[in-house]
Amino acid sequence: MGEQKIMRQKGTRARAKIMPRAAAFSAFTLAGFLATGAANAQGPADERQVALEDQTGVSITIYNENLTLVRDRRRVALEDGLNRLAFLGISPQIRPETALLRTDGAELDIVEQSFQADLLTPQRLLEEHVGETVRVIRTDPESGAETVEEGELLSAVGGVVLRIGDRVEVDPPGRIVLPGVPAGLRARPTLVTVVESGSAGQTPVELGYLTGGLGWQADYVAELNGAEDKVDLKGWITLANASGASFRDARVQLVAGEVNQVSRFAARDMMTMSMKAEAAPMPAREALFDYHLYSLDRPVTIAENETKQVALLSGDGVPVRKEYRFAGLNNIYDHAMGEPRRVNATVRLSFENAEAGGLGMPLPQGVVRVYGASGAGELMFVGEDAVEHTPADETVRLTLGRAFDVTARARQTAFEQLGERVYETAFTVELRNAKAEPVSATVVEQIPGDWEVLEESHPHERVSAQQAEWTVPIPANGTTELTYQVRVTY
């Protein structure tokens, strides 16, 4: 029960669906497998276990979309003919239909594979013994003497129902002892493979499969200098393992980019994990198909339910440009505006992902957290922003928040309709700077239709078919007015 089989014979494959089971707990102590031992929980007698002790190496390639390729290398003792191998210590979130067993040089044919996820739990043990005779052991709280009764297990749904003699008891006190452990129940999910070998002896094999439960992300920390024109940028790779398995001394590769997947499996919730930071050499980078592949330079152990960080990059003195930006102050061009309102500038930092600035490598998507120094020299958090996958020699722009001392107030000074679809309108934007040093502000306007700037106090740049930008200097503790007149044809 609870088993998914994959038949591989002359290129054919048959699948059976895994049925989820709800866990249930009772108020008694279950002691069934004390009588017979736990050996039956590991499979039939003719089955050969391939444990983690047989592992000679493991490699994992982690993608962005809850997808990981595992390549697990082990040595197995094969006999000439059919062999039933049980691979222990694999990820419980394995996608069984993706499993592939390979070997170099040896004659090995895969006859059958089955992923057995029917786990040995108290609830499953009870379910398997419904209708059978079990024993109930009770201990006298005063004398400590034990009494034993036998009864028929009638039900294990929502509790235990026993028929003991001429009475029926629900959730009886004491310990219930079962006659044995049914075949097929496993202590942990196990991939069982039936292979036909053309020779006997120790053979190296590699088990490859896709699994969920592992993920990675990039996190960056940027520290501004006092002049706010350079940053020291540190990048970290955060590895999270909620797959249910541990990966010991694994060679780790990370793929940046979105890989298309057929949506057939539900994503699983991430568990609460411990956090460890680990210094490491910078990952090597290369292109993979249309993605970027990052290879960590040394093996990493990622324990079950663990989050670990390794170094990605380090750039010191990266030149940055600070920008005060106003967008959408005047967004009405076919009728008069209402009363002006004061708007605080958006603060944006930008830098070039270039080798000349100490970077020049593809940056995986992640969150950049920016820190600056207060007047007393204390480190302060000034904002964060998410960045997409950024190739080398592209510009990175970070929106950090609103400026307190740089504001604007826009008003419409003229409006005229010249025809059915032709309008002329004029604006004045009062830009105010309450800082002790001069700044420049960028005013961005989306202008619809076919437009032309007729007059302006500062030159504009046509950034796109429907966007104009003005860069306006503002003196310290001062004000500058930007005026312009636009003709719009719809």
Protein backbone atom coordinates (compact mmCIF):
# COMPACT_ATOMS: atom_id res chain seq x y z
CA MET A 1 0.00 0.00 0.00
CA GLY A 2 1.10 3.58 -0.50
CA GLU A 3 3.43 2.45 -3.26
CA GLN A 4 4.12 3.94 -6.66
CA LYS A 5 5.56 1.59 -9.23
CA ILE A 6 7.32 2.41 -12.48
CA MET A 7 7.68 -0.47 -14.91
CA ARG A 8 10.63 -0.12 -17.29
CA GLN A 9 10.65 -2.99 -19.76
CA LYS A 10 11.36 -2.58 -23.46
CA GLY A 11 10.78 1.16 -23.22
CA THR A 12 7.32 0.91 -21.58
CA ARG A 13 6.24 2.59 -18.34
CA ALA A 14 3.20 2.14 -16.11
CA ARG A 15 2.36 4.37 -13.17
CA ALA A 16 0.10 4.11 -10.12
CA LYS A 17 -0.89 7.12 -8.07
CA ILE A 18 0.38 7.72 -4.52
CA MET A 19 -2.55 8.13 -2.14
CA PRO A 20 -1.90 10.53 0.77
CA ARG A 21 -2.69 9.31 4.29
CA ALA A 22 -3.67 11.43 7.26
CA ALA A 23 -1.79 10.84 10.48
CA ALA A 24 -3.75 9.93 13.58
CA PHE A 25 -2.67 9.55 17.19
CA SER A 26 -4.23 7.70 20.12
CA ALA A 27 -3.95 7.95 23.88
CA PHE A 28 -2.31 4.53 24.32
CA THR A 29 1.27 3.33 23.91
CA LEU A 30 1.92 1.14 20.87
CA ALA A 31 4.51 -1.54 21.44
CA GLY A 32 3.89 -4.01 18.59
CA PHE A 33 7.26 -4.00 16.97
CA LEU A 34 9.04 -4.67 20.27
CA ALA A 35 7.90 -8.29 19.99
CA THR A 36 9.19 -8.96 16.50
CA GLY A 37 11.90 -6.35 15.92
CA ALA A 38 11.94 -3.74 13.20
CA ALA A 39 13.49 -5.90 10.51
CA ASN A 40 10.27 -6.32 8.60
CA ALA A 41 10.08 -2.54 8.22
CA GLN A 42 13.06 -2.71 5.90
CA GLY A 43 11.57 -4.95 3.22
CA PRO A 44 11.73 -8.57 2.07
CA ALA A 45 14.60 -10.88 2.99
CA ASP A 46 15.88 -11.05 -0.62
CA GLU A 47 16.20 -7.26 -0.74
CA ARG A 48 19.67 -5.69 -0.59
CA GLN A 49 19.83 -2.33 1.15
CA VAL A 50 21.92 0.43 -0.40
CA ALA A 51 22.44 2.79 2.52
CA LEU A 52 24.10 6.17 2.91
CA GLU A 53 27.20 4.33 4.13
CA ASP A 54 27.56 3.04 0.56
CA GLN A 55 27.52 6.57 -0.86
CA THR A 56 30.71 7.64 -2.64
CA GLY A 57 29.53 11.12 -3.60
CA VAL A 58 26.50 13.29 -4.22
CA SER A 59 25.86 16.31 -6.43
CA ILE A 60 22.80 18.57 -6.38
CA THR A 61 21.74 21.17 -8.91
CA ILE A 62 19.18 23.55 -7.41
CA TYR A 63 16.85 25.55 -9.63
CA ASN A 64 14.67 28.54 -8.68
CA GLU A 65 11.27 26.86 -8.94
CA ASN A 66 11.30 24.26 -6.11
CA LEU A 67 13.22 21.84 -8.30
CA THR A 68 16.50 20.04 -7.67
CA LEU A 69 18.41 17.44 -9.66
CA VAL A 70 20.14 14.92 -7.37
CA ARG A 71 22.97 12.70 -8.60
CA ASP A 72 23.66 10.15 -5.87
CA ARG A 73 26.68 7.88 -6.42
CA ARG A 74 26.94 4.64 -4.46
CA ARG A 75 28.66 1.23 -4.57
CA VAL A 76 26.39 -1.80 -4.58
CA ALA A 77 27.14 -5.50 -4.25
CA LEU A 78 25.44 -7.21 -7.20
CA GLU A 79 24.82 -10.86 -7.93
CA ASP A 80 24.69 -12.34 -11.39
CA GLY A 81 21.04 -12.20 -12.42
CA LEU A 82 18.14 -10.37 -10.77
CA ASN A 83 18.87 -8.05 -7.83
CA ARG A 84 16.36 -6.22 -5.66
CA LEU A 85 17.99 -3.00 -4.40
CA ALA A 86 16.48 -0.68 -1.78
CA PHE A 87 18.00 2.82 -1.88
CA LEU A 88 17.77 4.39 1.59
CA GLY A 89 18.29 8.03 2.52
CA ILE A 90 16.78 9.52 -0.63
CA SER A 91 14.60 12.61 -0.61
CA PRO A 92 11.00 11.88 0.47
CA GLN A 93 9.92 14.49 -2.08
CA ILE A 94 11.43 12.56 -4.97
CA ARG A 95 9.51 12.59 -8.23
CA PRO A 96 9.65 8.83 -8.79
CA GLU A 97 8.99 8.94 -12.53
CA THR A 98 12.22 10.92 -13.01
CA ALA A 99 14.48 8.33 -11.32
CA LEU A 100 17.30 7.05 -13.48
CA LEU A 101 19.89 4.45 -12.43
CA ARG A 102 23.13 4.47 -14.40
CA THR A 103 26.44 2.65 -14.26
CA ASP A 104 29.68 2.81 -16.21
CA GLY A 105 30.93 -0.35 -17.85
CA ALA A 106 28.72 -2.90 -16.11
CA GLU A 107 25.87 -4.72 -17.83
CA LEU A 108 22.84 -3.55 -15.89
CA ASP A 109 19.22 -3.60 -17.06
CA ILE A 110 16.46 -2.00 -15.00
CA VAL A 111 13.42 -4.27 -14.80
CA GLU A 112 11.26 -2.41 -12.28
CA GLN A 113 11.32 0.59 -9.96
CA SER A 114 8.94 1.39 -7.11
CA PHE A 115 8.84 4.26 -4.68
CA GLN A 116 7.54 2.97 -1.36
CA ALA A 117 6.28 5.78 0.86
CA ASP A 118 3.96 3.79 3.17
CA LEU A 119 5.74 4.67 6.40
CA LEU A 120 5.92 2.76 9.65
CA THR A 121 3.75 4.82 12.00
CA PRO A 122 1.48 3.88 14.93
CA GLN A 123 -1.60 4.73 12.86
CA ARG A 124 -0.52 2.57 9.89
CA LEU A 125 0.35 -0.33 12.19
CA LEU A 126 -3.13 -0.23 13.71
CA GLU A 127 -4.79 0.01 10.30
CA GLU A 128 -2.92 -3.06 9.09
CA HIS A 129 -4.10 -5.11 12.11
CA VAL A 130 -7.81 -4.31 12.04
CA GLY A 131 -9.73 -7.59 12.45
CA GLU A 132 -6.82 -9.34 14.17
CA THR A 133 -6.22 -10.31 17.79
CA VAL A 134 -4.03 -7.96 19.81
CA ARG A 135 -2.96 -7.78 23.46
CA VAL A 136 -3.65 -4.98 25.95
CA ILE A 137 -1.19 -4.64 28.85
CA ARG A 138 -2.31 -2.60 31.83
CA THR A 139 -0.14 -1.62 34.82
CA ASP A 140 -1.60 -1.17 38.28
CA PRO A 141 -0.53 2.33 39.44
CA GLU A 142 -0.18 1.21 43.09
CA SER A 143 1.40 -2.22 42.91
CA GLY A 144 3.02 -1.99 39.49
CA ALA A 145 1.62 -5.39 38.55
CA GLU A 146 0.80 -5.95 34.90
CA THR A 147 -2.31 -7.67 33.52
CA VAL A 148 -2.69 -8.87 29.96
CA GLU A 149 -5.93 -9.23 27.98
CA GLU A 150 -6.53 -10.24 24.41
CA GLY A 151 -9.07 -8.60 22.15
CA GLU A 152 -10.09 -8.05 18.55
CA LEU A 153 -9.12 -4.74 16.96
CA LEU A 154 -12.40 -3.55 15.41
CA SER A 155 -11.39 -0.09 14.18
CA ALA A 156 -8.51 2.41 14.15
CA VAL A 157 -10.33 5.38 12.59
CA GLY A 158 -10.43 8.38 14.92
CA GLY A 159 -9.36 6.21 17.85
CA VAL A 160 -9.07 2.54 18.82
CA VAL A 161 -12.08 0.23 19.20
CA LEU A 162 -11.46 -3.18 20.79
CA ARG A 163 -13.75 -6.14 21.55
CA ILE A 164 -12.46 -7.72 24.76
CA GLY A 165 -14.55 -10.70 25.81
CA ASP A 166 -18.19 -9.61 25.92
CA ARG A 167 -17.50 -5.88 25.98
CA VAL A 168 -16.36 -3.22 23.49
CA GLU A 169 -13.86 -0.58 24.65
CA VAL A 170 -12.98 2.71 22.94
CA ASP A 171 -9.39 3.96 23.40
CA PRO A 172 -8.69 1.53 26.26
CA PRO A 173 -5.97 2.53 28.73
CA GLY A 174 -2.68 0.67 28.69
CA ARG A 175 -0.29 -0.54 26.01
CA ILE A 176 -1.49 -2.30 22.89
CA VAL A 177 0.87 -4.99 21.63
CA LEU A 178 0.57 -6.05 17.98
CA PRO A 179 1.68 -9.44 16.64
CA GLY A 180 4.19 -8.06 14.14
CA VAL A 181 5.16 -5.49 11.53
CA PRO A 182 3.39 -5.97 8.18
CA ALA A 183 5.52 -6.27 5.09
CA GLY A 184 5.68 -3.15 2.95
CA LEU A 185 5.86 -0.59 5.75
CA ARG A 186 9.10 1.38 5.67
CA ALA A 187 10.90 3.39 8.33
CA ARG A 188 11.62 6.04 5.65
CA PRO A 189 10.59 6.47 2.00
CA THR A 190 12.58 4.02 -0.11
CA LEU A 191 13.22 3.60 -3.81
CA VAL A 192 13.25 -0.11 -4.66
CA THR A 193 14.84 -1.07 -7.97
CA VAL A 194 14.89 -4.52 -9.55
CA VAL A 195 17.88 -4.83 -11.89
CA GLU A 196 19.39 -7.63 -13.91
CA SER A 197 23.18 -7.77 -13.78
CA GLY A 198 25.41 -9.61 -16.16
CA SER A 199 28.12 -10.09 -13.53
CA ALA A 200 28.64 -10.23 -9.77
CA GLY A 201 30.68 -7.96 -7.50
CA GLN A 202 30.93 -4.41 -6.24
CA THR A 203 29.59 -1.99 -8.86
CA PRO A 204 29.52 1.83 -8.84
CA VAL A 205 26.10 3.23 -9.78
CA GLU A 206 24.58 6.70 -9.98
CA LEU A 207 20.96 7.32 -9.04
CA GLY A 208 19.64 10.52 -10.55
CA TYR A 209 16.24 12.02 -9.77
CA LEU A 210 14.32 15.28 -9.46
CA THR A 211 12.97 16.38 -6.11
CA GLY A 212 11.24 19.28 -4.45
CA GLY A 213 11.99 20.82 -1.08
CA LEU A 214 15.30 22.52 -1.81
CA GLY A 215 15.69 26.12 -2.84
CA TRP A 216 18.16 28.93 -3.08
CA GLN A 217 18.12 32.67 -3.29
CA ALA A 218 20.60 35.49 -3.50
CA ASP A 219 20.83 38.14 -0.80
CA TYR A 220 22.96 41.26 -1.07
CA VAL A 221 24.21 43.79 1.47
CA ALA A 222 25.34 47.23 0.24
CA GLU A 223 27.11 49.69 2.57
CA LEU A 224 27.22 53.34 1.44
CA ASN A 225 30.25 55.49 2.09
CA GLY A 226 29.93 58.90 3.74
CA ALA A 227 29.71 60.74 0.40
CA GLU A 228 27.00 58.32 -0.78
CA ASP A 229 28.74 57.89 -4.12
CA LYS A 230 30.19 54.38 -3.58
CA VAL A 231 29.08 51.12 -1.96
CA ASP A 232 30.74 47.98 -0.74
CA LEU A 233 28.54 45.17 -2.06
CA LYS A 234 28.49 41.67 -0.58
CA GLY A 235 26.45 38.84 -2.06
CA TRP A 236 25.34 35.63 -0.34
CA ILE A 237 23.72 32.46 -1.58
CA THR A 238 21.11 31.17 0.86
CA LEU A 239 20.48 27.41 0.59
CA ALA A 240 17.30 26.04 2.19
CA ASN A 241 16.66 22.31 2.63
CA ALA A 242 13.13 21.17 3.50
CA SER A 243 13.26 18.02 1.35
CA GLY A 244 13.31 15.60 4.30
CA ALA A 245 16.82 14.33 3.47
CA SER A 246 20.34 15.45 4.28
CA PHE A 247 23.06 15.90 1.66
CA ARG A 248 26.55 15.28 3.02
CA ASP A 249 29.60 16.86 1.37
CA ALA A 250 27.56 17.60 -1.73
CA ARG A 251 28.86 19.29 -4.85
CA VAL A 252 26.36 22.11 -5.28
CA GLN A 253 25.36 23.90 -8.47
CA LEU A 254 22.78 26.66 -8.74
CA VAL A 255 20.82 27.58 -11.86
CA ALA A 256 19.66 31.19 -12.28
CA GLY A 257 16.71 31.41 -14.64
CA GLU A 258 13.22 30.02 -14.95
CA VAL A 259 12.98 26.44 -16.19
CA ASN A 260 9.60 25.47 -17.63
CA GLN A 261 7.90 22.61 -15.77
CA VAL A 262 4.66 20.76 -16.35
CA SER A 263 2.59 21.49 -13.24
CA ARG A 264 1.73 18.06 -11.87
CA PHE A 265 2.91 18.17 -8.29
CA ALA A 266 1.75 20.50 -5.54
CA ALA A 267 4.42 22.62 -3.90
CA ARG A 268 5.11 21.82 -0.26
CA ASP A 269 5.29 24.30 2.58
CA MET A 270 8.76 25.26 3.72
CA MET A 271 9.58 24.22 7.28
CA THR A 272 11.11 26.32 10.02
CA MET A 273 14.85 25.97 9.65
CA SER A 274 18.04 26.74 11.53
CA MET A 275 20.35 29.39 10.05
CA LYS A 276 24.08 28.97 9.54
CA ALA A 277 26.49 31.28 7.71
CA GLU A 278 29.54 29.72 6.13
CA ALA A 279 32.45 31.46 4.42
CA ALA A 280 33.27 29.94 1.05
CA PRO A 281 35.22 30.71 -2.12
CA MET A 282 33.29 32.58 -4.78
CA PRO A 283 31.14 30.28 -6.96
CA ALA A 284 32.36 29.61 -10.47
CA ARG A 285 29.96 30.84 -13.14
CA GLU A 286 29.16 29.61 -16.63
CA ALA A 287 26.32 29.58 -19.14
CA LEU A 288 23.93 26.61 -19.19
CA PHE A 289 21.49 26.60 -22.11
CA ASP A 290 19.87 30.05 -21.67
CA TYR A 291 20.48 30.12 -17.92
CA HIS A 292 23.47 30.83 -15.69
CA LEU A 293 25.07 28.05 -13.69
CA TYR A 294 26.91 28.78 -10.43
CA SER A 295 29.15 26.03 -9.04
CA LEU A 296 30.30 26.23 -5.42
CA ASP A 297 34.02 25.62 -5.22
CA ARG A 298 33.97 23.12 -2.37
CA PRO A 299 31.58 20.48 -1.01
CA VAL A 300 28.77 21.70 1.24
CA THR A 301 26.77 19.69 3.75
CA ILE A 302 23.10 20.74 3.85
CA ALA A 303 21.33 19.01 6.70
CA GLU A 304 17.61 18.33 6.78
CA ASN A 305 15.63 21.43 7.82
CA GLU A 306 18.72 23.63 7.57
CA THR A 307 19.34 27.00 5.94
CA LYS A 308 22.95 27.77 5.08
CA GLN A 309 24.68 30.76 3.51
CA VAL A 310 27.80 30.78 1.32
CA ALA A 311 29.58 33.72 -0.28
CA LEU A 312 28.58 34.74 -3.81
CA LEU A 313 30.49 37.94 -4.59
CA SER A 314 32.31 40.89 -3.07
CA GLY A 315 32.71 44.31 -4.70
CA ASP A 316 34.38 47.22 -2.88
CA GLY A 317 34.04 50.86 -3.87
CA VAL A 318 31.38 50.29 -6.53
CA PRO A 319 30.38 53.73 -7.94
CA VAL A 320 26.69 54.55 -7.40
CA ARG A 321 24.44 57.37 -8.44
CA LYS A 322 21.81 58.73 -6.09
CA GLU A 323 18.66 60.03 -7.74
CA TYR A 324 15.63 61.95 -6.46
CA ARG A 325 12.76 61.03 -8.73
CA PHE A 326 9.23 62.37 -9.24
CA ALA A 327 6.90 60.41 -11.51
CA GLY A 328 3.32 61.17 -12.55
CA LEU A 329 3.02 64.68 -11.09
CA ASN A 330 1.09 65.86 -14.16
CA ASN A 331 -0.78 62.93 -15.67
CA ILE A 332 -3.89 64.67 -17.01
CA TYR A 333 -3.62 66.05 -20.54
CA ASP A 334 -7.19 66.23 -21.85
CA HIS A 335 -8.84 68.31 -19.09
CA ALA A 336 -7.91 70.66 -16.28
CA MET A 337 -6.23 69.38 -13.10
CA GLY A 338 -7.38 69.96 -9.56
CA GLU A 339 -5.51 71.56 -6.67
CA PRO A 340 -1.76 70.80 -6.48
CA ARG A 341 -0.44 68.51 -3.80
CA ARG A 342 2.99 68.14 -2.26
CA VAL A 343 4.89 64.96 -3.17
CA ASN A 344 8.06 63.60 -1.59
CA ALA A 345 10.74 62.40 -3.97
CA THR A 346 11.45 58.71 -4.46
CA VAL A 347 15.09 57.91 -3.65
CA ARG A 348 16.82 55.61 -6.08
CA LEU A 349 20.36 54.25 -6.22
CA SER A 350 21.83 52.87 -9.42
CA PHE A 351 25.13 51.26 -10.32
CA GLU A 352 26.63 49.46 -13.29
CA ASN A 353 27.17 45.73 -13.04
CA ALA A 354 30.54 46.18 -14.72
CA GLU A 355 33.98 44.73 -14.17
CA ALA A 356 35.44 48.23 -13.94
CA GLY A 357 33.32 48.78 -10.82
CA GLY A 358 34.41 45.55 -9.18
CA LEU A 359 31.51 43.41 -10.43
CA GLY A 360 30.85 42.33 -14.04
CA MET A 361 29.19 38.97 -13.34
CA PRO A 362 25.59 37.80 -13.83
CA LEU A 363 23.68 38.68 -10.67
CA PRO A 364 20.93 36.24 -9.61
CA GLN A 365 17.64 37.75 -8.55
CA GLY A 366 17.41 38.58 -4.89
CA VAL A 367 17.01 41.35 -2.34
CA VAL A 368 19.56 44.14 -1.88
CA ARG A 369 19.60 45.70 1.60
CA VAL A 370 21.33 49.07 1.80
CA TYR A 371 23.00 50.53 4.89
CA GLY A 372 24.37 54.02 5.43
CA ALA A 373 26.05 55.93 8.24
CA SER A 374 24.36 58.47 10.51
CA GLY A 375 25.99 61.78 11.43
CA ALA A 376 27.56 60.04 14.42
CA GLY A 377 28.98 57.32 12.17
CA GLU A 378 26.55 54.63 13.30
CA LEU A 379 25.37 52.06 10.78
CA MET A 380 21.74 52.60 9.75
CA PHE A 381 19.38 50.63 7.49
CA VAL A 382 18.17 52.94 4.69
CA GLY A 383 16.07 50.62 2.52
CA GLU A 384 15.90 47.51 0.37
CA ASP A 385 14.70 46.49 -3.06
CA ALA A 386 14.40 43.33 -5.14
CA VAL A 387 16.50 42.92 -8.27
CA GLU A 388 15.80 40.62 -11.18
CA HIS A 389 18.39 38.38 -12.84
CA THR A 390 20.86 40.99 -14.14
CA PRO A 391 23.43 40.16 -16.83
CA ALA A 392 26.90 41.68 -16.77
CA ASP A 393 27.24 45.30 -17.97
CA GLU A 394 23.59 46.10 -17.17
CA THR A 395 22.39 48.84 -14.79
CA VAL A 396 21.01 47.88 -11.38
CA ARG A 397 18.42 50.31 -9.97
CA LEU A 398 17.25 50.20 -6.37
CA THR A 399 14.22 52.09 -5.07
CA LEU A 400 14.83 52.70 -1.37
CA GLY A 401 12.00 54.91 -0.14
CA ARG A 402 10.80 58.55 0.07
CA ALA A 403 13.03 61.57 0.72
CA PHE A 404 11.95 63.75 3.63
CA ASP A 405 13.71 66.96 2.46
CA VAL A 406 13.15 66.89 -1.32
CA THR A 407 9.59 67.65 -2.38
CA ALA A 408 7.61 68.90 -5.38
CA ARG A 409 4.29 70.59 -5.98
CA ALA A 410 2.85 70.69 -9.51
CA ARG A 411 0.10 72.93 -10.84
CA GLN A 412 -1.51 73.39 -14.23
CA THR A 413 -1.13 76.95 -15.46
CA ALA A 414 -2.93 76.74 -18.82
CA PHE A 415 -5.30 74.46 -20.67
CA GLU A 416 -6.86 74.85 -24.14
CA GLN A 417 -8.66 72.49 -26.50
CA LEU A 418 -7.65 73.38 -30.05
CA GLY A 419 -9.67 70.72 -31.84
CA GLU A 420 -11.67 67.56 -31.29
CA ARG A 421 -8.52 65.63 -30.34
CA VAL A 422 -5.90 68.35 -29.89
CA TYR A 423 -5.04 69.89 -26.50
CA GLU A 424 -2.45 72.32 -25.22
CA THR A 425 -1.60 72.46 -21.55
CA ALA A 426 1.10 74.09 -19.44
CA PHE A 427 2.53 73.13 -16.04
CA THR A 428 4.73 74.57 -13.35
CA VAL A 429 6.53 72.21 -10.97
CA GLU A 430 7.97 73.78 -7.83
CA LEU A 431 10.90 71.67 -6.61
CA ARG A 432 12.08 72.30 -3.05
CA ASN A 433 15.27 71.11 -1.36
CA ALA A 434 15.58 71.48 2.42
CA LYS A 435 18.97 69.74 2.56
CA ALA A 436 22.22 71.53 3.32
CA GLU A 437 23.71 70.53 -0.04
CA PRO A 438 22.45 70.95 -3.61
CA VAL A 439 20.75 68.02 -5.35
CA SER A 440 19.33 67.16 -8.76
CA ALA A 441 15.84 65.82 -9.25
CA THR A 442 14.38 63.89 -12.16
CA VAL A 443 10.80 64.69 -13.19
CA VAL A 444 9.20 61.88 -15.20
CA GLU A 445 5.94 62.31 -17.12
CA GLN A 446 3.91 59.83 -19.14
CA ILE A 447 2.40 61.82 -22.03
CA PRO A 448 -0.22 60.02 -24.15
CA GLY A 449 -0.84 60.30 -27.90
CA ASP A 450 1.33 62.28 -30.29
CA TRP A 451 2.96 65.02 -28.22
CA GLU A 452 5.31 67.94 -28.61
CA VAL A 453 6.93 70.15 -25.99
CA LEU A 454 6.38 73.75 -27.16
CA GLU A 455 8.18 75.61 -24.36
CA GLU A 456 10.24 74.57 -21.34
CA SER A 457 12.54 76.05 -18.72
CA HIS A 458 14.84 73.02 -18.67
CA PRO A 459 15.58 70.65 -21.59
CA HIS A 460 13.73 67.35 -21.63
CA GLU A 461 14.74 63.91 -22.87
CA ARG A 462 12.31 61.78 -24.87
CA VAL A 463 12.95 58.48 -23.13
CA SER A 464 10.25 56.60 -25.04
CA ALA A 465 7.25 57.29 -27.28
CA GLN A 466 5.17 58.33 -24.26
CA GLN A 467 7.69 59.36 -21.64
CA ALA A 468 9.61 62.59 -21.10
CA GLU A 469 12.19 63.30 -18.38
CA TRP A 470 13.61 66.56 -17.04
CA THR A 471 16.73 66.74 -14.84
CA VAL A 472 16.52 69.80 -12.64
CA PRO A 473 19.22 71.09 -10.23
CA ILE A 474 17.94 72.41 -6.89
CA PRO A 475 20.20 74.57 -4.67
CA ALA A 476 20.77 73.84 -0.99
CA ASN A 477 17.84 75.06 1.11
CA GLY A 478 16.32 76.41 -2.08
CA THR A 479 13.67 76.08 -4.75
CA THR A 480 13.68 75.64 -8.54
CA GLU A 481 10.71 75.94 -10.89
CA LEU A 482 10.31 73.67 -13.89
CA THR A 483 7.84 74.99 -16.48
CA TYR A 484 6.76 73.43 -19.75
CA GLN A 485 3.96 73.55 -22.31
CA VAL A 486 2.82 70.47 -24.23
CA ARG A 487 0.61 69.97 -27.28
CA VAL A 488 -1.08 66.56 -27.37
CA THR A 489 -2.92 64.99 -30.31
CA TYR A 490 -4.94 61.83 -29.72
